[in-house]
Amino acid sequence: MDFHIKDARPIWQQLSAQLKLRIVTGFYAPGSRFPAVRELAAEAGVNPNTMQRALTQLESDGLLITNRTVGRSVTTDVGALSALRSELAGEETAEYLEAMGRLGYGRRECAELILEGEKI
């Protein structure tokens, strides 16, 4: 899975958001060892200090746990992971509704489009 740095937000915030997505989708399974800072920085093509800042944010959010002897691992807190998944889904839904609103669609019409898409 590639990293994509593309908007005006600081790079570390973009990295943090993309790593959150990897965690919530199971790319990094709960309880699994998390890759090292330098490994992730090389993969993303960024300075290790930038990646460290992104990982520090994930630790603050309770998604990563640091063990000085073993390194970082993904939390096993299913509640935190579920809450993150719901939060991300809400953000995506809001973005979708906003974009569709710019096209002149209301919420009901959006729901109908989604249901029609399920029939395909």
Protein backbone atom coordinates (compact mmCIF):
# COMPACT_ATOMS: atom_id res chain seq x y z
CA MET A 1 0.00 0.00 0.00
CA ASP A 2 1.54 3.26 -1.12
CA PHE A 3 1.52 6.55 0.75
CA HIS A 4 -0.01 9.52 -1.08
CA ILE A 5 1.05 13.02 -0.06
CA LYS A 6 -1.30 15.28 -1.96
CA ASP A 7 -3.05 18.06 -0.05
CA ALA A 8 -2.20 21.22 1.87
CA ARG A 9 -2.19 19.57 5.30
CA PRO A 10 1.21 19.01 6.92
CA ILE A 11 2.84 15.81 5.68
CA TRP A 12 2.89 14.21 9.14
CA GLN A 13 -0.89 14.65 9.40
CA GLN A 14 -1.41 13.02 6.02
CA LEU A 15 0.83 10.13 7.03
CA SER A 16 -0.99 9.75 10.34
CA ALA A 17 -4.36 9.63 8.54
CA GLN A 18 -3.12 7.02 6.08
CA LEU A 19 -1.65 4.88 8.85
CA LYS A 20 -4.95 5.10 10.76
CA LEU A 21 -6.68 3.75 7.67
CA ARG A 22 -4.18 0.90 7.46
CA ILE A 23 -4.81 0.06 11.11
CA VAL A 24 -8.61 0.19 10.94
CA THR A 25 -8.75 -1.93 7.77
CA GLY A 26 -6.55 -4.63 9.29
CA PHE A 27 -3.49 -4.03 7.10
CA TYR A 28 -1.74 -3.86 10.48
CA ALA A 29 -3.65 -6.34 12.64
CA PRO A 30 -4.48 -5.63 16.29
CA GLY A 31 -1.57 -6.65 18.51
CA SER A 32 0.84 -6.98 15.59
CA ARG A 33 4.30 -5.47 15.60
CA PHE A 34 4.36 -2.11 13.83
CA PRO A 35 7.10 -1.33 11.29
CA ALA A 36 10.07 0.78 12.39
CA VAL A 37 10.14 4.53 11.80
CA ARG A 38 12.96 4.33 9.28
CA GLU A 39 11.25 1.55 7.34
CA LEU A 40 8.00 3.52 7.09
CA ALA A 41 9.84 6.75 6.27
CA ALA A 42 11.69 5.03 3.42
CA GLU A 43 8.43 3.57 2.12
CA ALA A 44 6.75 6.99 2.20
CA GLY A 45 9.80 8.86 0.91
CA VAL A 46 9.88 11.26 3.86
CA ASN A 47 12.30 12.27 6.58
CA PRO A 48 12.27 9.88 9.59
CA ASN A 49 11.49 12.85 11.87
CA THR A 50 8.30 13.50 9.89
CA MET A 51 7.25 9.86 10.21
CA GLN A 52 8.12 9.91 13.92
CA ARG A 53 5.74 12.82 14.40
CA ALA A 54 2.96 10.87 12.67
CA LEU A 55 3.59 7.83 14.87
CA THR A 56 3.66 9.98 18.01
CA GLN A 57 0.17 11.18 17.06
CA LEU A 58 -1.01 7.57 16.67
CA GLU A 59 0.39 6.79 20.11
CA SER A 60 -1.45 9.81 21.55
CA ASP A 61 -4.63 8.55 19.90
CA GLY A 62 -4.14 5.18 21.62
CA LEU A 63 -3.68 3.24 18.39
CA LEU A 64 -0.03 2.32 18.91
CA ILE A 65 1.65 1.02 22.04
CA THR A 66 5.38 1.41 22.57
CA ASN A 67 7.40 -1.22 24.36
CA ARG A 68 11.01 -0.07 24.63
CA THR A 69 12.40 -3.59 24.21
CA VAL A 70 10.19 -4.75 21.34
CA GLY A 71 9.18 -1.55 19.53
CA ARG A 72 5.67 -0.46 18.64
CA SER A 73 2.61 -2.61 18.24
CA VAL A 74 -0.98 -1.95 17.22
CA THR A 75 -3.44 -1.68 20.08
CA THR A 76 -5.62 -4.66 20.91
CA ASP A 77 -8.35 -2.33 22.22
CA VAL A 78 -11.24 -3.37 19.98
CA GLY A 79 -13.34 -0.48 21.29
CA ALA A 80 -10.77 2.10 20.19
CA LEU A 81 -10.49 0.48 16.77
CA SER A 82 -14.27 0.35 16.38
CA ALA A 83 -14.57 4.00 17.41
CA LEU A 84 -11.92 4.97 14.88
CA ARG A 85 -13.71 3.04 12.16
CA SER A 86 -16.97 4.84 12.96
CA GLU A 87 -15.19 8.20 13.03
CA LEU A 88 -13.60 7.61 9.63
CA ALA A 89 -16.90 6.42 8.18
CA GLY A 90 -18.59 9.59 9.43
CA GLU A 91 -15.91 11.75 7.83
CA GLU A 92 -16.21 9.92 4.50
CA THR A 93 -20.00 10.17 4.61
CA ALA A 94 -19.86 13.91 5.29
CA GLU A 95 -17.44 14.42 2.38
CA TYR A 96 -19.71 12.40 0.08
CA LEU A 97 -22.82 14.33 1.08
CA GLU A 98 -21.01 17.65 0.67
CA ALA A 99 -19.78 16.72 -2.81
CA MET A 100 -23.20 15.46 -3.84
CA GLY A 101 -24.80 18.61 -2.43
CA ARG A 102 -22.59 20.66 -4.76
CA LEU A 103 -24.09 18.62 -7.61
CA GLY A 104 -27.58 19.46 -6.39
CA TYR A 105 -28.43 16.14 -4.72
CA GLY A 106 -30.23 15.98 -1.39
CA ARG A 107 -29.72 13.29 1.24
CA ARG A 108 -32.73 11.29 0.06
CA GLU A 109 -31.48 11.29 -3.52
CA CYS A 110 -28.03 10.22 -2.31
CA ALA A 111 -29.58 7.33 -0.42
CA GLU A 112 -31.51 6.29 -3.52
CA LEU A 113 -28.32 6.38 -5.60
CA ILE A 114 -26.57 4.19 -3.05
CA LEU A 115 -29.41 1.68 -3.02
CA GLU A 116 -29.45 1.61 -6.83
CA GLY A 117 -25.71 0.92 -6.77
CA GLU A 118 -26.29 -2.11 -4.57
CA LYS A 119 -28.46 -3.62 -7.31
CA ILE A 120 -25.62 -3.57 -9.82
